[in-house]
Amino acid sequence: MYDGSPLLTQTMARTIRRVAPSSRLVRLTAPSVVGAVLLGMEQAGLKPTSAVREQLKESATKASLQDDFPER
């Protein structure tokens, strides 16, 4: 999960640990759509560079912030 509230993440962690007690949850450093785009690129035969990954991460994070505070 990239940017969930503590109520959501704690509830999710408790639920997961009931079936996987030794699991380790890791907060994403970028919106999950970045991973989806990278997987799609790889499936299409492309090999995204670290620069491409960083650009995707930056633009997705920026877009996420714009969604939180839309201009009027």
N, C-alpha and C. Protein backbone atom coordinates (compact mmCIF):
# COMPACT_ATOMS: atom_id res chain seq x y z
N MET A 1 0.85 -1.16 0.00
CA MET A 1 0.00 0.00 0.00
C MET A 1 0.89 1.23 0.00
N TYR A 2 0.55 2.19 -0.82
CA TYR A 2 1.37 3.39 -0.97
C TYR A 2 1.04 4.46 0.06
N ASP A 3 -0.22 4.82 0.16
CA ASP A 3 -0.56 5.97 0.99
C ASP A 3 -1.88 5.73 1.73
N GLY A 4 -1.94 4.69 2.55
CA GLY A 4 -3.16 4.38 3.27
C GLY A 4 -3.13 4.94 4.68
N SER A 5 -4.30 5.17 5.22
CA SER A 5 -4.38 5.67 6.59
C SER A 5 -3.97 4.57 7.57
N PRO A 6 -3.51 4.93 8.76
CA PRO A 6 -3.13 3.91 9.75
C PRO A 6 -4.29 2.96 10.08
N LEU A 7 -5.51 3.45 10.09
CA LEU A 7 -6.65 2.58 10.37
C LEU A 7 -6.73 1.45 9.33
N LEU A 8 -6.56 1.80 8.09
CA LEU A 8 -6.61 0.81 7.01
C LEU A 8 -5.41 -0.12 7.05
N THR A 9 -4.22 0.43 7.18
CA THR A 9 -3.02 -0.40 7.13
C THR A 9 -2.92 -1.33 8.33
N GLN A 10 -3.29 -0.85 9.52
CA GLN A 10 -3.23 -1.70 10.71
C GLN A 10 -4.25 -2.84 10.62
N THR A 11 -5.44 -2.53 10.13
CA THR A 11 -6.46 -3.55 9.96
C THR A 11 -6.01 -4.59 8.94
N MET A 12 -5.44 -4.12 7.86
CA MET A 12 -4.95 -5.02 6.82
C MET A 12 -3.82 -5.91 7.37
N ALA A 13 -2.90 -5.32 8.14
CA ALA A 13 -1.79 -6.09 8.71
C ALA A 13 -2.30 -7.17 9.66
N ARG A 14 -3.27 -6.85 10.50
CA ARG A 14 -3.82 -7.85 11.42
C ARG A 14 -4.46 -9.00 10.66
N THR A 15 -5.20 -8.68 9.62
CA THR A 15 -5.89 -9.69 8.81
C THR A 15 -4.88 -10.61 8.12
N ILE A 16 -3.86 -10.02 7.54
CA ILE A 16 -2.84 -10.81 6.84
C ILE A 16 -2.08 -11.69 7.81
N ARG A 17 -1.74 -11.16 8.98
CA ARG A 17 -0.93 -11.93 9.94
C ARG A 17 -1.70 -13.10 10.55
N ARG A 18 -3.02 -13.08 10.47
CA ARG A 18 -3.79 -14.24 10.93
C ARG A 18 -3.47 -15.47 10.09
N VAL A 19 -3.28 -15.28 8.80
CA VAL A 19 -3.00 -16.41 7.91
C VAL A 19 -1.52 -16.55 7.56
N ALA A 20 -0.76 -15.49 7.77
CA ALA A 20 0.68 -15.51 7.48
C ALA A 20 1.41 -14.79 8.61
N PRO A 21 1.54 -15.46 9.77
CA PRO A 21 2.09 -14.81 10.95
C PRO A 21 3.50 -14.22 10.79
N SER A 22 4.30 -14.78 9.94
CA SER A 22 5.66 -14.25 9.79
C SER A 22 5.79 -13.29 8.61
N SER A 23 4.65 -12.84 8.09
CA SER A 23 4.68 -11.92 6.96
C SER A 23 5.27 -10.58 7.37
N ARG A 24 5.76 -9.88 6.38
CA ARG A 24 6.34 -8.55 6.61
C ARG A 24 5.73 -7.61 5.59
N LEU A 25 4.99 -6.63 6.06
CA LEU A 25 4.39 -5.66 5.16
C LEU A 25 5.36 -4.51 4.93
N VAL A 26 5.46 -4.08 3.69
CA VAL A 26 6.38 -3.01 3.33
C VAL A 26 5.60 -1.91 2.64
N ARG A 27 5.74 -0.70 3.14
CA ARG A 27 5.05 0.44 2.52
C ARG A 27 5.74 0.77 1.20
N LEU A 28 4.95 0.93 0.16
CA LEU A 28 5.49 1.26 -1.16
C LEU A 28 6.07 2.67 -1.15
N THR A 29 7.09 2.88 -1.96
CA THR A 29 7.68 4.22 -2.07
C THR A 29 7.14 4.97 -3.28
N ALA A 30 6.25 4.33 -4.01
CA ALA A 30 5.62 4.95 -5.19
C ALA A 30 4.23 4.34 -5.34
N PRO A 31 3.33 5.04 -6.00
CA PRO A 31 2.01 4.47 -6.25
C PRO A 31 2.12 3.13 -6.98
N SER A 32 1.22 2.21 -6.68
CA SER A 32 1.29 0.87 -7.26
C SER A 32 1.17 0.87 -8.78
N VAL A 33 0.62 1.91 -9.35
CA VAL A 33 0.50 1.98 -10.80
C VAL A 33 1.88 1.96 -11.47
N VAL A 34 2.91 2.43 -10.77
CA VAL A 34 4.26 2.41 -11.34
C VAL A 34 4.69 0.97 -11.60
N GLY A 35 4.45 0.09 -10.64
CA GLY A 35 4.79 -1.32 -10.84
C GLY A 35 4.00 -1.93 -11.97
N ALA A 36 2.74 -1.55 -12.09
CA ALA A 36 1.90 -2.08 -13.16
C ALA A 36 2.43 -1.63 -14.53
N VAL A 37 2.82 -0.39 -14.64
CA VAL A 37 3.36 0.12 -15.91
C VAL A 37 4.67 -0.59 -16.24
N LEU A 38 5.53 -0.77 -15.24
CA LEU A 38 6.80 -1.45 -15.48
C LEU A 38 6.58 -2.89 -15.92
N LEU A 39 5.64 -3.58 -15.29
CA LEU A 39 5.33 -4.96 -15.71
C LEU A 39 4.80 -4.98 -17.14
N GLY A 40 3.95 -4.03 -17.47
CA GLY A 40 3.42 -3.94 -18.83
C GLY A 40 4.52 -3.69 -19.85
N MET A 41 5.44 -2.82 -19.50
CA MET A 41 6.57 -2.55 -20.40
C MET A 41 7.40 -3.81 -20.62
N GLU A 42 7.65 -4.54 -19.53
CA GLU A 42 8.43 -5.77 -19.66
C GLU A 42 7.70 -6.82 -20.50
N GLN A 43 6.38 -6.92 -20.31
CA GLN A 43 5.59 -7.86 -21.11
C GLN A 43 5.61 -7.50 -22.59
N ALA A 44 5.76 -6.21 -22.88
CA ALA A 44 5.81 -5.74 -24.27
C ALA A 44 7.22 -5.89 -24.86
N GLY A 45 8.14 -6.43 -24.05
CA GLY A 45 9.50 -6.64 -24.54
C GLY A 45 10.44 -5.48 -24.30
N LEU A 46 10.00 -4.48 -23.57
CA LEU A 46 10.86 -3.34 -23.27
C LEU A 46 11.63 -3.61 -21.99
N LYS A 47 12.77 -2.96 -21.87
CA LYS A 47 13.59 -3.10 -20.66
C LYS A 47 13.75 -1.72 -20.04
N PRO A 48 12.84 -1.35 -19.14
CA PRO A 48 12.91 -0.01 -18.56
C PRO A 48 14.19 0.20 -17.75
N THR A 49 14.83 1.32 -17.97
CA THR A 49 16.06 1.67 -17.25
C THR A 49 15.70 2.26 -15.88
N SER A 50 16.69 2.44 -15.06
CA SER A 50 16.44 3.06 -13.76
C SER A 50 15.96 4.50 -13.93
N ALA A 51 16.39 5.17 -14.99
CA ALA A 51 15.91 6.53 -15.26
C ALA A 51 14.42 6.52 -15.58
N VAL A 52 13.98 5.53 -16.35
CA VAL A 52 12.56 5.40 -16.68
C VAL A 52 11.76 5.13 -15.40
N ARG A 53 12.28 4.25 -14.55
CA ARG A 53 11.60 3.95 -13.27
C ARG A 53 11.45 5.22 -12.43
N GLU A 54 12.51 5.99 -12.33
CA GLU A 54 12.46 7.21 -11.53
C GLU A 54 11.49 8.23 -12.12
N GLN A 55 11.47 8.35 -13.44
CA GLN A 55 10.55 9.29 -14.09
C GLN A 55 9.11 8.88 -13.86
N LEU A 56 8.83 7.58 -13.98
CA LEU A 56 7.47 7.08 -13.71
C LEU A 56 7.07 7.37 -12.27
N LYS A 57 7.98 7.08 -11.36
CA LYS A 57 7.72 7.29 -9.94
C LYS A 57 7.43 8.77 -9.67
N GLU A 58 8.24 9.65 -10.24
CA GLU A 58 8.07 11.08 -10.04
C GLU A 58 6.73 11.57 -10.61
N SER A 59 6.41 11.16 -11.84
CA SER A 59 5.18 11.65 -12.46
C SER A 59 3.94 11.06 -11.79
N ALA A 60 4.00 9.81 -11.36
CA ALA A 60 2.85 9.20 -10.68
C ALA A 60 2.63 9.84 -9.32
N THR A 61 3.71 10.13 -8.62
CA THR A 61 3.59 10.78 -7.31
C THR A 61 3.02 12.18 -7.47
N LYS A 62 3.49 12.90 -8.48
CA LYS A 62 3.00 14.25 -8.75
C LYS A 62 1.51 14.20 -9.10
N ALA A 63 1.11 13.25 -9.93
CA ALA A 63 -0.30 13.10 -10.31
C ALA A 63 -1.15 12.76 -9.09
N SER A 64 -0.63 11.94 -8.21
CA SER A 64 -1.34 11.56 -7.00
C SER A 64 -1.58 12.78 -6.12
N LEU A 65 -0.58 13.64 -5.99
CA LEU A 65 -0.73 14.85 -5.19
C LEU A 65 -1.73 15.80 -5.81
N GLN A 66 -1.77 15.87 -7.14
CA GLN A 66 -2.73 16.74 -7.81
C GLN A 66 -4.15 16.24 -7.60
N ASP A 67 -4.34 14.91 -7.52
CA ASP A 67 -5.66 14.36 -7.25
C ASP A 67 -6.13 14.73 -5.86
N ASP A 68 -5.18 14.82 -4.91
CA ASP A 68 -5.54 15.15 -3.54
C ASP A 68 -5.96 16.61 -3.40
N PHE A 69 -5.38 17.48 -4.22
CA PHE A 69 -5.67 18.89 -4.14
C PHE A 69 -6.00 19.45 -5.52
N PRO A 70 -7.19 19.09 -6.04
CA PRO A 70 -7.54 19.56 -7.39
C PRO A 70 -7.68 21.08 -7.44
N GLU A 71 -7.26 21.65 -8.56
CA GLU A 71 -7.44 23.08 -8.75
C GLU A 71 -8.90 23.37 -9.03
N ARG A 72 -9.34 24.51 -8.61
CA ARG A 72 -10.74 24.89 -8.82
C ARG A 72 -10.86 26.03 -9.76
